[in-house]
Amino acid sequence: MKAVGVELLAPYLSPGADVFAVGLRCGFLQMITKFGVLGPWMREGALDDAVFRAAAECPFKNGDIDPADFVAQVFMAQVQAEAGNSDL
C-alpha cells in the first residue's frame, strides 16, 4: 500500500531516502506548527532552517508523534540547540 503523494515527493529526495520517514516528519511539523509551538522559529511565514535540521535528526519511533509526548520534548530541545538559543 502506498501513501498518497509518495510518488510526488520521492524525486525531490536523495537516492535511498526513506520517503515515509520524511512524510512522518512533515506531518509532525504541520501538526506542531498548527498548535503554535514553532512560533518563535517562524520567519516571514516560513520555518527557520534550525527546525528542519532538528526534524531530520529527531528519533521518531513507531510513528509516535503526540505533541505531549517525549518525542516532542526531544524535538524542541533539538530545535533550540540548532537555533543556538535555548532561552526560547
C-alpha atoms as a PDB file:
ATOM      1  CA  MET A   1       0.000   0.000   0.000  1.00  0.00           C
ATOM      2  CA  LYS A   2       1.381   3.419  -0.947  1.00  0.00           C
ATOM      3  CA  ALA A   3       0.661   6.672   0.803  1.00  0.00           C
ATOM      4  CA  VAL A   4      -0.959   9.381  -1.262  1.00  0.00           C
ATOM      5  CA  GLY A   5       1.639  11.676  -2.764  1.00  0.00           C
ATOM      6  CA  VAL A   6       4.685   9.470  -2.134  1.00  0.00           C
ATOM      7  CA  GLU A   7       5.481   9.307  -5.824  1.00  0.00           C
ATOM      8  CA  LEU A   8       5.327  13.113  -5.943  1.00  0.00           C
ATOM      9  CA  LEU A   9       7.792  13.550  -3.073  1.00  0.00           C
ATOM     10  CA  ALA A  10      10.331  10.860  -3.956  1.00  0.00           C
ATOM     11  CA  PRO A  11      12.011  12.677  -6.895  1.00  0.00           C
ATOM     12  CA  TYR A  12      12.996  15.555  -4.579  1.00  0.00           C
ATOM     13  CA  LEU A  13      14.814  13.336  -2.073  1.00  0.00           C
ATOM     14  CA  SER A  14      18.297  11.882  -2.090  1.00  0.00           C
ATOM     15  CA  PRO A  15      18.624   8.383  -3.538  1.00  0.00           C
ATOM     16  CA  GLY A  16      17.805   5.829  -0.857  1.00  0.00           C
ATOM     17  CA  ALA A  17      15.940   8.315   1.359  1.00  0.00           C
ATOM     18  CA  ASP A  18      13.033   6.894   3.355  1.00  0.00           C
ATOM     19  CA  VAL A  19      10.039   8.665   1.823  1.00  0.00           C
ATOM     20  CA  PHE A  20       7.744   7.551   4.626  1.00  0.00           C
ATOM     21  CA  ALA A  21      10.082   8.891   7.319  1.00  0.00           C
ATOM     22  CA  VAL A  22      10.153  12.238   5.518  1.00  0.00           C
ATOM     23  CA  GLY A  23       6.358  12.195   5.353  1.00  0.00           C
ATOM     24  CA  LEU A  24       6.126  11.447   9.077  1.00  0.00           C
ATOM     25  CA  ARG A  25       8.374  14.382   9.899  1.00  0.00           C
ATOM     26  CA  CYS A  26       6.416  16.691   7.585  1.00  0.00           C
ATOM     27  CA  GLY A  27       3.181  15.681   9.304  1.00  0.00           C
ATOM     28  CA  PHE A  28       4.754  16.269  12.708  1.00  0.00           C
ATOM     29  CA  LEU A  29       5.925  19.743  11.672  1.00  0.00           C
ATOM     30  CA  GLN A  30       2.494  20.598  10.280  1.00  0.00           C
ATOM     31  CA  MET A  31       0.806  19.478  13.486  1.00  0.00           C
ATOM     32  CA  ILE A  32       3.004  21.378  15.910  1.00  0.00           C
ATOM     33  CA  THR A  33       3.059  24.448  13.657  1.00  0.00           C
ATOM     34  CA  LYS A  34      -0.749  24.435  13.721  1.00  0.00           C
ATOM     35  CA  PHE A  35      -0.661  24.472  17.537  1.00  0.00           C
ATOM     36  CA  GLY A  36       1.730  27.449  17.528  1.00  0.00           C
ATOM     37  CA  VAL A  37       4.603  25.542  19.106  1.00  0.00           C
ATOM     38  CA  LEU A  38       7.072  26.715  16.472  1.00  0.00           C
ATOM     39  CA  GLY A  39       6.060  30.394  16.533  1.00  0.00           C
ATOM     40  CA  PRO A  40       9.466  31.583  17.779  1.00  0.00           C
ATOM     41  CA  TRP A  41      11.080  29.909  14.747  1.00  0.00           C
ATOM     42  CA  MET A  42       8.785  31.384  12.083  1.00  0.00           C
ATOM     43  CA  ARG A  43      10.386  33.969   9.804  1.00  0.00           C
ATOM     44  CA  GLU A  44       8.029  35.762   7.407  1.00  0.00           C
ATOM     45  CA  GLY A  45       5.680  32.769   7.345  1.00  0.00           C
ATOM     46  CA  ALA A  46       8.403  30.147   6.891  1.00  0.00           C
ATOM     47  CA  LEU A  47      10.074  27.892   9.416  1.00  0.00           C
ATOM     48  CA  ASP A  48      13.685  28.607  10.347  1.00  0.00           C
ATOM     49  CA  ASP A  49      16.294  26.151   8.989  1.00  0.00           C
ATOM     50  CA  ALA A  50      17.005  25.050  12.578  1.00  0.00           C
ATOM     51  CA  VAL A  51      13.568  23.416  12.676  1.00  0.00           C
ATOM     52  CA  PHE A  52      14.291  21.337   9.593  1.00  0.00           C
ATOM     53  CA  ARG A  53      17.729  20.287  10.846  1.00  0.00           C
ATOM     54  CA  ALA A  54      16.178  19.183  14.139  1.00  0.00           C
ATOM     55  CA  ALA A  55      13.372  17.313  12.338  1.00  0.00           C
ATOM     56  CA  ALA A  56      15.932  15.427  10.261  1.00  0.00           C
ATOM     57  CA  GLU A  57      17.701  14.180  13.397  1.00  0.00           C
ATOM     58  CA  CYS A  58      14.844  13.677  15.852  1.00  0.00           C
ATOM     59  CA  PRO A  59      14.203   9.992  16.652  1.00  0.00           C
ATOM     60  CA  PHE A  60      10.637   9.007  15.743  1.00  0.00           C
ATOM     61  CA  LYS A  61       9.732   5.512  16.904  1.00  0.00           C
ATOM     62  CA  ASN A  62       6.669   3.637  15.662  1.00  0.00           C
ATOM     63  CA  GLY A  63       5.123   6.832  14.306  1.00  0.00           C
ATOM     64  CA  ASP A  64       4.813   8.211  17.849  1.00  0.00           C
ATOM     65  CA  ILE A  65       4.274  11.943  17.291  1.00  0.00           C
ATOM     66  CA  ASP A  66       1.936  13.043  20.110  1.00  0.00           C
ATOM     67  CA  PRO A  67       2.775  16.710  20.906  1.00  0.00           C
ATOM     68  CA  ALA A  68       2.559  15.960  24.635  1.00  0.00           C
ATOM     69  CA  ASP A  69       4.891  13.030  24.184  1.00  0.00           C
ATOM     70  CA  PHE A  70       8.606  12.780  24.940  1.00  0.00           C
ATOM     71  CA  VAL A  71       9.337  12.915  21.192  1.00  0.00           C
ATOM     72  CA  ALA A  72       8.008  16.470  21.054  1.00  0.00           C
ATOM     73  CA  GLN A  73      10.132  17.456  24.050  1.00  0.00           C
ATOM     74  CA  VAL A  74      13.256  15.961  22.481  1.00  0.00           C
ATOM     75  CA  PHE A  75      12.437  17.677  19.201  1.00  0.00           C
ATOM     76  CA  MET A  76      12.007  21.099  20.811  1.00  0.00           C
ATOM     77  CA  ALA A  77      15.320  20.704  22.663  1.00  0.00           C
ATOM     78  CA  GLN A  78      16.967  19.916  19.309  1.00  0.00           C
ATOM     79  CA  VAL A  79      15.363  22.960  17.650  1.00  0.00           C
ATOM     80  CA  GLN A  80      16.670  25.172  20.443  1.00  0.00           C
ATOM     81  CA  ALA A  81      20.146  23.668  20.128  1.00  0.00           C
ATOM     82  CA  GLU A  82      20.141  24.065  16.340  1.00  0.00           C
ATOM     83  CA  ALA A  83      18.968  27.655  16.666  1.00  0.00           C
ATOM     84  CA  GLY A  84      21.656  28.347  19.239  1.00  0.00           C
ATOM     85  CA  ASN A  85      19.131  29.859  21.615  1.00  0.00           C
ATOM     86  CA  SER A  86      17.998  27.666  24.498  1.00  0.00           C
ATOM     87  CA  ASP A  87      16.154  30.608  26.101  1.00  0.00           C
ATOM     88  CA  LEU A  88      13.168  30.448  23.675  1.00  0.00           C
END
